Structure formats: structure tokens, C-alpha cells
């Protein structure tokens, strides 16, 4: 079993290689001579070029959280680009538009289609909507899953308010709007505070207490103080994590080593906090839990409470 430091180093190297491949593919697309409106372009060419662009965008979007999917999308994009190049050089059957590479040139020059001029103009005009549809990204590619879920929730809530208005009048329907707005806001803020407490506590337990060495006192321009004692922790993989202790004067003596809690958060972020800060973190639940409960009460009062009230005659 590989040590943890070696696994992380290999993961970083693999991520760097993937980013390099994505950058090279993006430069290849940016410098490609194909354009959908150039003479001789066909619908098949436009579709293959759109597939290559879409695959590159999807690979770049998921490269950080899902390298396997990113490599798969990159392979599909390269395959689409190869098919486009084959169409341009005339390597596919005769119904495709061929192309020749001029001597000493760096791009492709497509041959004009062997159809009458009036027929060629009509064919290109007929395929223009198809090329536009092929280049238009799909809905699930334009938005993340959470964005789509939020839009679906808004549509459902709008339909619910209309249903309340039809059953009990538009007064209760309008009353649902502030209930849902304040309820969703308070619930979201309370959930965020509670998640912060649990995530920081879990990260501290996972990272444990580490030793940070004193590296000197630096002048800062922040609101907390003009001077900062800088401590740095170096792990087995050579990564450094800094911690700054604000002091009013550079003459104050600093301890050579401080024992701090290491928080390993998402996306590789690392933070050092003191034991006092870790102990004070659970106090945020005093604020987060009441806000969460109040927000849930408002939400339930709006959905389905308002509909129940107008259906049973409690709202009159």
C-alpha cells in the first residue's frame, strides 16, 4: 500500500498531465481552420466540430472533481476532431466534401462542392438551422445539477401558489411568497452555519494537531493588526501551510513552535487554527440551529400549511 504522501504526489502529477492535455486540445481547437460558414462546409463537418467543442467544455468542467470522466470526454473530442480532419482531407466516402493541403501551408483548403451554384446555395441555406442546432449546448451542459434543481423548485413553487390562489383566493397565494422567501433564506443560512461547525470539527479530527515552526514577524496592513508572527507547518509531502498570529509590536517574543489544528478542507485547501478557535466553533450552533428550525417552520407554514388552511376553512 502506497504512503499517503506518495499517493497525493501521484494524484497531483496526474492532474497536471490532464491539465496539460486539456490545454493542448484547447489550443488545437482555437487554431483549427474550420468554420461553419466557410465555403464548402457541410452539416456533418459542423456536427463533428460542435462535438469536439462540447467534449472539451465538458472535460474542462469536470477535470477537477472527476478526472476519469474528463479523460473520456477528451478522448471523444479528439475522435470527433479526427473525423472532421478526415472529412476535410477527403478521407471519407465521396458524399463528403474533400480538401487538399496546399504546399507549405499550415491549414486546410476545402474543395468547392461539385453541385450547381444555385443548388449549392440552397443546400447550405437548408443546413444552416441544423448547424445552429448542433452548436447550441444542451440544457444540462449549460447548468449544473444544483442550478437545474433550483429552477425546477421555483417552477413547482409557482404552480403551488397558483393552486392556492385557485382554491382559497389570491390573498393566501400572495401570503405564501414571503413565507417561502424568508423560510428558504433562514433555512439556507442555518444549514450553512451548522454545516460549517460539523465540517470544521471533522476536518480538525482528520488533520489532527501539528507543529508549526516560527518563520519570522512581518508587517501587515490588515484591520487586525500591523504585525503578524508567521508560523509554517510542513507535512511529509513537502506542502507548507501558514498561520499568522497578529501582534501589536514586532518586539514581542514568539515561541519557536506552536501546536495547531490542521483543517483539510475541500479542493486541497488547508488551514491552521488554534485550540481556542476549535473550541469556540460549536458555539455557532446556538445561532444556526434556531435559524434552521424557524426557517423550516416558515416553509412548512407555506408548503403545505397554506393549502391545508384554505382547504379546511382555517383561512377565511
Foldseek 3Di string as FASTA:
>chain_A
DDDPLVVVVVVVVVLVVLVVLLVVLVVCLVPAPDDCPDAQHALLLLLLNLLLVLLSLVLVVCSLPDVVSSVVSNVSSVVSVVVNVCLACVVDDPVGWHWDDDVPDDHIDTDHDPDDPVVSVVNSVVCVVVSVVSNDDDPCSVDPPVVVVVVVVVVVLVVLLVVLCVLFNNVLSVVLVVLLVLLVVLQVVLVVLVVVLVLQLVQLVVQDKFKWFWDAKDADDDPVEGIWTKTWDADPSGDIEIDTDHDHDRPDDDDGIDIWGWGQDPPRDIHTDHPVVNVCSVVSNVVSVVSNVVSVVSNVCSVPVSVVCSNVVVDD
